[in-house]
Amino acid sequence: MPRRRIDPTIGLAAVRAWQEDAGSISRADLMTAVRFTLEELAVSSPGGALEVRVPPAGAVQAIAGPKHTRGTPPGVVETDPATWLELASGDVSWDEALAANRVSASGERADLAACLPLVRRGRFSR
């Protein structure tokens, strides 16, 4: 199981700050919120079949299936920090983000609909 690097109290505070006013959140808090929610995905859906990338904040491997160790992973999801936080908090659905081309997804396990949202109103959703 992945080890957390961000204390959940600090991570949830950063997510709450983003939820309250995304326009005035500091870059440090934005990066913390994204990294924390990426960690939450890795903890709640462990595995190595999918790489979720949110540049420049970070990336994690998640979802059970064939593990990737070198080269291109079998599945990749990539999006921007704002879209990721909207997905992670349930403000936008997976299908809405895909339809609006706000997320790129490739590979057979690249559907995160069942894994989202990760947090709601500053709390873990699972």
C-alpha atoms as a PDB file:
ATOM      1  CA  MET A   1       0.000   0.000   0.000  1.00  0.00           C
ATOM      2  CA  PRO A   2       1.334   3.473  -0.833  1.00  0.00           C
ATOM      3  CA  ARG A   3       2.694   5.508   2.033  1.00  0.00           C
ATOM      4  CA  ARG A   4       1.188   8.932   2.592  1.00  0.00           C
ATOM      5  CA  ARG A   5       3.551  11.878   2.371  1.00  0.00           C
ATOM      6  CA  ILE A   6       1.003  14.589   3.109  1.00  0.00           C
ATOM      7  CA  ASP A   7      -0.681  14.636   6.509  1.00  0.00           C
ATOM      8  CA  PRO A   8      -4.447  14.237   5.888  1.00  0.00           C
ATOM      9  CA  THR A   9      -5.205  17.268   8.059  1.00  0.00           C
ATOM     10  CA  ILE A  10      -2.948  19.456   5.913  1.00  0.00           C
ATOM     11  CA  GLY A  11      -4.187  17.892   2.680  1.00  0.00           C
ATOM     12  CA  LEU A  12      -7.856  18.356   3.555  1.00  0.00           C
ATOM     13  CA  ALA A  13      -7.185  21.953   4.618  1.00  0.00           C
ATOM     14  CA  ALA A  14      -5.650  22.628   1.197  1.00  0.00           C
ATOM     15  CA  VAL A  15      -8.641  21.007  -0.545  1.00  0.00           C
ATOM     16  CA  ARG A  16     -11.016  23.109   1.574  1.00  0.00           C
ATOM     17  CA  ALA A  17      -9.076  26.270   0.700  1.00  0.00           C
ATOM     18  CA  TRP A  18      -9.432  25.403  -2.990  1.00  0.00           C
ATOM     19  CA  GLN A  19     -13.156  24.650  -2.588  1.00  0.00           C
ATOM     20  CA  GLU A  20     -13.765  27.934  -0.792  1.00  0.00           C
ATOM     21  CA  ASP A  21     -11.952  30.159  -3.282  1.00  0.00           C
ATOM     22  CA  ALA A  22      -9.988  28.526  -6.087  1.00  0.00           C
ATOM     23  CA  GLY A  23      -9.048  31.932  -7.483  1.00  0.00           C
ATOM     24  CA  SER A  24      -7.128  33.068  -4.435  1.00  0.00           C
ATOM     25  CA  ILE A  25      -5.487  29.839  -3.292  1.00  0.00           C
ATOM     26  CA  SER A  26      -1.695  29.965  -3.118  1.00  0.00           C
ATOM     27  CA  ARG A  27       0.314  27.862  -5.549  1.00  0.00           C
ATOM     28  CA  ALA A  28       1.708  25.887  -2.599  1.00  0.00           C
ATOM     29  CA  ASP A  29      -1.796  25.073  -1.331  1.00  0.00           C
ATOM     30  CA  LEU A  30      -2.955  24.163  -4.847  1.00  0.00           C
ATOM     31  CA  MET A  31      -0.051  21.748  -5.279  1.00  0.00           C
ATOM     32  CA  THR A  32      -0.699  20.280  -1.812  1.00  0.00           C
ATOM     33  CA  ALA A  33      -4.396  19.761  -2.614  1.00  0.00           C
ATOM     34  CA  VAL A  34      -3.582  18.027  -5.902  1.00  0.00           C
ATOM     35  CA  ARG A  35      -0.828  15.851  -4.429  1.00  0.00           C
ATOM     36  CA  PHE A  36      -3.007  14.914  -1.459  1.00  0.00           C
ATOM     37  CA  THR A  37      -5.903  13.832  -3.683  1.00  0.00           C
ATOM     38  CA  LEU A  38      -3.522  11.890  -5.933  1.00  0.00           C
ATOM     39  CA  GLU A  39      -2.261  10.097  -2.811  1.00  0.00           C
ATOM     40  CA  GLU A  40      -5.860   9.407  -1.823  1.00  0.00           C
ATOM     41  CA  LEU A  41      -6.477   7.789  -5.225  1.00  0.00           C
ATOM     42  CA  ALA A  42      -3.391   5.589  -4.794  1.00  0.00           C
ATOM     43  CA  VAL A  43      -4.541   4.565  -1.300  1.00  0.00           C
ATOM     44  CA  SER A  44      -8.202   3.962  -2.195  1.00  0.00           C
ATOM     45  CA  SER A  45      -7.491   2.234  -5.545  1.00  0.00           C
ATOM     46  CA  PRO A  46      -4.048   0.641  -5.178  1.00  0.00           C
ATOM     47  CA  GLY A  47      -2.230  -0.911  -8.094  1.00  0.00           C
ATOM     48  CA  GLY A  48       0.043  -0.132 -10.972  1.00  0.00           C
ATOM     49  CA  ALA A  49      -2.119  -0.501 -14.085  1.00  0.00           C
ATOM     50  CA  LEU A  50      -2.836   3.216 -14.509  1.00  0.00           C
ATOM     51  CA  GLU A  51      -0.697   6.305 -14.187  1.00  0.00           C
ATOM     52  CA  VAL A  52      -2.609   9.458 -13.297  1.00  0.00           C
ATOM     53  CA  ARG A  53      -0.685  12.606 -14.201  1.00  0.00           C
ATOM     54  CA  VAL A  54      -1.523  16.134 -13.084  1.00  0.00           C
ATOM     55  CA  PRO A  55       1.386  18.279 -14.247  1.00  0.00           C
ATOM     56  CA  PRO A  56       3.160  20.042 -12.719  1.00  0.00           C
ATOM     57  CA  ALA A  57       1.865  18.771  -9.358  1.00  0.00           C
ATOM     58  CA  GLY A  58       2.550  15.074  -9.618  1.00  0.00           C
ATOM     59  CA  ALA A  59       1.588  11.620 -10.753  1.00  0.00           C
ATOM     60  CA  VAL A  60       0.632   8.333  -9.113  1.00  0.00           C
ATOM     61  CA  GLN A  61       0.135   4.761 -10.134  1.00  0.00           C
ATOM     62  CA  ALA A  62      -3.198   3.248  -9.171  1.00  0.00           C
ATOM     63  CA  ILE A  63      -5.826   0.669 -10.156  1.00  0.00           C
ATOM     64  CA  ALA A  64      -5.319  -3.085  -9.899  1.00  0.00           C
ATOM     65  CA  GLY A  65      -4.033  -4.887 -12.962  1.00  0.00           C
ATOM     66  CA  PRO A  66      -0.764  -5.360 -14.808  1.00  0.00           C
ATOM     67  CA  LYS A  67       1.966  -3.427 -13.048  1.00  0.00           C
ATOM     68  CA  HIS A  68       4.155  -1.143 -15.093  1.00  0.00           C
ATOM     69  CA  THR A  69       7.821  -0.703 -14.263  1.00  0.00           C
ATOM     70  CA  ARG A  70       9.434   0.815 -17.370  1.00  0.00           C
ATOM     71  CA  GLY A  71       8.399   2.830 -20.356  1.00  0.00           C
ATOM     72  CA  THR A  72       4.838   3.789 -21.107  1.00  0.00           C
ATOM     73  CA  PRO A  73       2.281   2.457 -18.613  1.00  0.00           C
ATOM     74  CA  PRO A  74      -0.633   0.341 -19.906  1.00  0.00           C
ATOM     75  CA  GLY A  75      -3.019   3.161 -19.032  1.00  0.00           C
ATOM     76  CA  VAL A  76      -2.570   6.904 -18.617  1.00  0.00           C
ATOM     77  CA  VAL A  77      -4.886   9.673 -17.434  1.00  0.00           C
ATOM     78  CA  GLU A  78      -3.721  13.260 -17.644  1.00  0.00           C
ATOM     79  CA  THR A  79      -5.398  16.521 -16.724  1.00  0.00           C
ATOM     80  CA  ASP A  80      -4.715  19.953 -15.265  1.00  0.00           C
ATOM     81  CA  PRO A  81      -4.799  20.759 -11.528  1.00  0.00           C
ATOM     82  CA  ALA A  82      -8.189  22.530 -11.560  1.00  0.00           C
ATOM     83  CA  THR A  83      -9.924  19.729 -13.452  1.00  0.00           C
ATOM     84  CA  TRP A  84      -8.327  17.103 -11.215  1.00  0.00           C
ATOM     85  CA  LEU A  85      -9.567  18.837  -8.075  1.00  0.00           C
ATOM     86  CA  GLU A  86     -13.045  19.194  -9.580  1.00  0.00           C
ATOM     87  CA  LEU A  87     -13.036  15.458 -10.329  1.00  0.00           C
ATOM     88  CA  ALA A  88     -11.591  14.550  -6.924  1.00  0.00           C
ATOM     89  CA  SER A  89     -14.201  16.612  -5.067  1.00  0.00           C
ATOM     90  CA  GLY A  90     -17.175  15.611  -7.220  1.00  0.00           C
ATOM     91  CA  ASP A  91     -17.730  19.074  -8.710  1.00  0.00           C
ATOM     92  CA  VAL A  92     -17.545  17.547 -12.192  1.00  0.00           C
ATOM     93  CA  SER A  93     -18.174  13.930 -13.206  1.00  0.00           C
ATOM     94  CA  TRP A  94     -15.710  11.752 -15.064  1.00  0.00           C
ATOM     95  CA  ASP A  95     -18.025  11.621 -18.092  1.00  0.00           C
ATOM     96  CA  GLU A  96     -18.464  15.415 -18.112  1.00  0.00           C
ATOM     97  CA  ALA A  97     -14.699  15.976 -18.003  1.00  0.00           C
ATOM     98  CA  LEU A  98     -14.116  13.493 -20.827  1.00  0.00           C
ATOM     99  CA  ALA A  99     -16.879  14.973 -22.983  1.00  0.00           C
ATOM    100  CA  ALA A 100     -15.420  18.467 -22.516  1.00  0.00           C
ATOM    101  CA  ASN A 101     -11.903  17.232 -23.411  1.00  0.00           C
ATOM    102  CA  ARG A 102     -10.642  18.353 -20.011  1.00  0.00           C
ATOM    103  CA  VAL A 103      -9.015  14.991 -19.385  1.00  0.00           C
ATOM    104  CA  SER A 104      -7.018  12.647 -21.599  1.00  0.00           C
ATOM    105  CA  ALA A 105      -7.451   8.920 -20.917  1.00  0.00           C
ATOM    106  CA  SER A 106      -5.935   5.934 -22.686  1.00  0.00           C
ATOM    107  CA  GLY A 107      -5.763   2.240 -21.879  1.00  0.00           C
ATOM    108  CA  GLU A 108      -8.345  -0.309 -20.824  1.00  0.00           C
ATOM    109  CA  ARG A 109      -8.315   0.682 -17.127  1.00  0.00           C
ATOM    110  CA  ALA A 110      -8.341   4.436 -17.751  1.00  0.00           C
ATOM    111  CA  ASP A 111     -11.930   5.002 -16.563  1.00  0.00           C
ATOM    112  CA  LEU A 112     -11.853   6.608 -13.108  1.00  0.00           C
ATOM    113  CA  ALA A 113     -15.637   7.009 -12.756  1.00  0.00           C
ATOM    114  CA  ALA A 114     -15.879   4.304 -10.087  1.00  0.00           C
ATOM    115  CA  CYS A 115     -12.977   5.804  -8.086  1.00  0.00           C
ATOM    116  CA  LEU A 116     -14.290   9.367  -7.892  1.00  0.00           C
ATOM    117  CA  PRO A 117     -14.973  11.517  -5.976  1.00  0.00           C
ATOM    118  CA  LEU A 118     -12.186  11.132  -3.442  1.00  0.00           C
ATOM    119  CA  VAL A 119     -13.136  13.927  -1.023  1.00  0.00           C
ATOM    120  CA  ARG A 120     -16.320  15.873  -0.385  1.00  0.00           C
ATOM    121  CA  ARG A 121     -16.702  19.011   1.696  1.00  0.00           C
ATOM    122  CA  GLY A 122     -13.225  18.582   3.121  1.00  0.00           C
ATOM    123  CA  ARG A 123     -13.707  14.915   4.118  1.00  0.00           C
ATOM    124  CA  PHE A 124     -12.772  11.574   2.635  1.00  0.00           C
ATOM    125  CA  SER A 125     -15.641  10.259   0.552  1.00  0.00           C
ATOM    126  CA  ARG A 126     -14.890   6.593   1.186  1.00  0.00           C
END
